C-alpha atoms as a PDB file:
ATOM      1  CA  UNK A   1     341.238 211.576  66.209  1.00  0.00           C
ATOM      2  CA  UNK A   2     340.483 213.920  69.098  1.00  0.00           C
ATOM      3  CA  UNK A   3     340.037 211.038  71.556  1.00  0.00           C
ATOM      4  CA  UNK A   4     343.213 209.341  70.364  1.00  0.00           C
ATOM      5  CA  UNK A   5     345.189 212.572  70.690  1.00  0.00           C
ATOM      6  CA  UNK A   6     343.763 213.103  74.177  1.00  0.00           C
ATOM      7  CA  UNK A   7     344.885 209.651  75.334  1.00  0.00           C
ATOM      8  CA  UNK A   8     348.331 210.061  73.785  1.00  0.00           C
ATOM      9  CA  UNK A   9     348.755 213.562  75.200  1.00  0.00           C
ATOM     10  CA  UNK A  10     347.762 212.496  78.702  1.00  0.00           C
ATOM     11  CA  UNK A  11     350.077 209.494  78.867  1.00  0.00           C
ATOM     12  CA  UNK A  12     353.006 211.109  77.062  1.00  0.00           C
ATOM     13  CA  UNK A  13     352.474 214.529  78.657  1.00  0.00           C
ATOM     14  CA  UNK A  14     352.639 216.408  75.360  1.00  0.00           C
ATOM     15  CA  UNK A  15     350.446 218.989  73.640  1.00  0.00           C
ATOM     16  CA  UNK A  16     347.634 217.214  71.756  1.00  0.00           C
ATOM     17  CA  UNK A  17     348.175 219.576  68.818  1.00  0.00           C
ATOM     18  CA  UNK A  18     351.726 218.316  68.404  1.00  0.00           C
ATOM     19  CA  UNK A  19     350.620 214.724  67.744  1.00  0.00           C
ATOM     20  CA  UNK A  20     350.718 213.535  64.134  1.00  0.00           C
ATOM     21  CA  UNK A  21     350.747 210.142  62.422  1.00  0.00           C
ATOM     22  CA  UNK A  22     354.557 210.353  62.540  1.00  0.00           C
ATOM     23  CA  UNK A  23     354.760 210.910  66.311  1.00  0.00           C
ATOM     24  CA  UNK A  24     356.897 208.063  67.651  1.00  0.00           C
ATOM     25  CA  UNK A  25     359.310 207.065  70.402  1.00  0.00           C
ATOM     26  CA  UNK A  26     362.105 208.332  68.148  1.00  0.00           C
ATOM     27  CA  UNK A  27     360.820 211.914  68.217  1.00  0.00           C
ATOM     28  CA  UNK A  28     358.965 211.969  71.548  1.00  0.00           C
ATOM     29  CA  UNK A  29     361.312 211.726  74.552  1.00  0.00           C
ATOM     30  CA  UNK A  30     358.516 210.823  76.973  1.00  0.00           C
ATOM     31  CA  UNK A  31     357.523 207.787  74.842  1.00  0.00           C
ATOM     32  CA  UNK A  32     359.789 205.365  76.691  1.00  0.00           C
ATOM     33  CA  UNK A  33     359.212 201.702  77.463  1.00  0.00           C
ATOM     34  CA  UNK A  34     357.193 202.384  80.628  1.00  0.00           C
ATOM     35  CA  UNK A  35     354.957 204.923  78.909  1.00  0.00           C
ATOM     36  CA  UNK A  36     354.546 202.544  75.967  1.00  0.00           C
ATOM     37  CA  UNK A  37     352.970 200.025  78.349  1.00  0.00           C
ATOM     38  CA  UNK A  38     350.851 202.710  79.991  1.00  0.00           C
ATOM     39  CA  UNK A  39     349.784 203.934  76.553  1.00  0.00           C
ATOM     40  CA  UNK A  40     348.716 200.455  75.490  1.00  0.00           C
ATOM     41  CA  UNK A  41     346.608 200.067  78.618  1.00  0.00           C
ATOM     42  CA  UNK A  42     345.067 203.538  78.247  1.00  0.00           C
ATOM     43  CA  UNK A  43     344.203 202.897  74.592  1.00  0.00           C
ATOM     44  CA  UNK A  44     342.590 199.554  75.396  1.00  0.00           C
ATOM     45  CA  UNK A  45     340.489 201.184  78.102  1.00  0.00           C
ATOM     46  CA  UNK A  46     339.551 204.290  76.100  1.00  0.00           C
ATOM     47  CA  UNK A  47     338.524 202.369  72.983  1.00  0.00           C
ATOM     48  CA  UNK A  48     337.269 199.131  74.597  1.00  0.00           C
ATOM     49  CA  UNK A  49     339.686 196.927  72.672  1.00  0.00           C
ATOM     50  CA  UNK A  50     342.287 194.325  73.520  1.00  0.00           C
ATOM     51  CA  UNK A  51     345.470 194.380  71.484  1.00  0.00           C
ATOM     52  CA  UNK A  52     347.392 191.222  70.690  1.00  0.00           C
ATOM     53  CA  UNK A  53     351.039 191.004  71.607  1.00  0.00           C
ATOM     54  CA  UNK A  54     351.860 191.172  67.884  1.00  0.00           C
ATOM     55  CA  UNK A  55     349.882 194.404  67.515  1.00  0.00           C
ATOM     56  CA  UNK A  56     351.535 195.914  70.567  1.00  0.00           C
ATOM     57  CA  UNK A  57     355.004 195.028  69.333  1.00  0.00           C
ATOM     58  CA  UNK A  58     354.344 196.356  65.817  1.00  0.00           C
ATOM     59  CA  UNK A  59     353.609 199.949  66.889  1.00  0.00           C
ATOM     60  CA  UNK A  60     356.316 202.272  65.618  1.00  0.00           C
ATOM     61  CA  UNK A  61     354.323 205.527  65.449  1.00  0.00           C
ATOM     62  CA  UNK A  62     350.824 206.952  65.836  1.00  0.00           C
ATOM     63  CA  UNK A  63     349.877 205.850  62.318  1.00  0.00           C
ATOM     64  CA  UNK A  64     350.410 202.248  63.449  1.00  0.00           C
ATOM     65  CA  UNK A  65     348.114 202.813  66.421  1.00  0.00           C
ATOM     66  CA  UNK A  66     345.408 204.157  64.104  1.00  0.00           C
ATOM     67  CA  UNK A  67     345.698 201.076  61.876  1.00  0.00           C
ATOM     68  CA  UNK A  68     345.555 198.739  64.893  1.00  0.00           C
ATOM     69  CA  UNK A  69     342.431 200.496  66.161  1.00  0.00           C
ATOM     70  CA  UNK A  70     340.870 200.249  62.695  1.00  0.00           C
ATOM     71  CA  UNK A  71     341.456 196.471  62.742  1.00  0.00           C
ATOM     72  CA  UNK A  72     339.328 196.453  65.898  1.00  0.00           C
ATOM     73  CA  UNK A  73     336.565 198.406  64.111  1.00  0.00           C
ATOM     74  CA  UNK A  74     337.323 201.650  65.953  1.00  0.00           C
ATOM     75  CA  UNK A  75     336.392 204.637  63.823  1.00  0.00           C
ATOM     76  CA  UNK A  76     338.378 207.813  64.447  1.00  0.00           C
ATOM     77  CA  UNK A  77     336.859 209.807  61.580  1.00  0.00           C
ATOM     78  CA  UNK A  78     334.453 212.485  62.691  1.00  0.00           C
ATOM     79  CA  UNK A  79     336.175 212.548  66.069  1.00  0.00           C
ATOM     80  CA  UNK A  80     337.878 215.844  65.296  1.00  0.00           C
END
């Protein structure tokens, strides 16, 4: 989870410690439409995955991102 938090924190310009599974555009002012696109690109690069349009559109909070990464066989456990 450390890598995921680092990517989210960098793009959204927030403290990594403040990121939870419930972090979302609704409670993170910097998570706007432009940063959502930048976040998608940063996640694909950081985790060597390619999200489908359906996956990208289904993200509502960090928990959704974790599930999408899991579908691409990305393991976040043991990553802090």
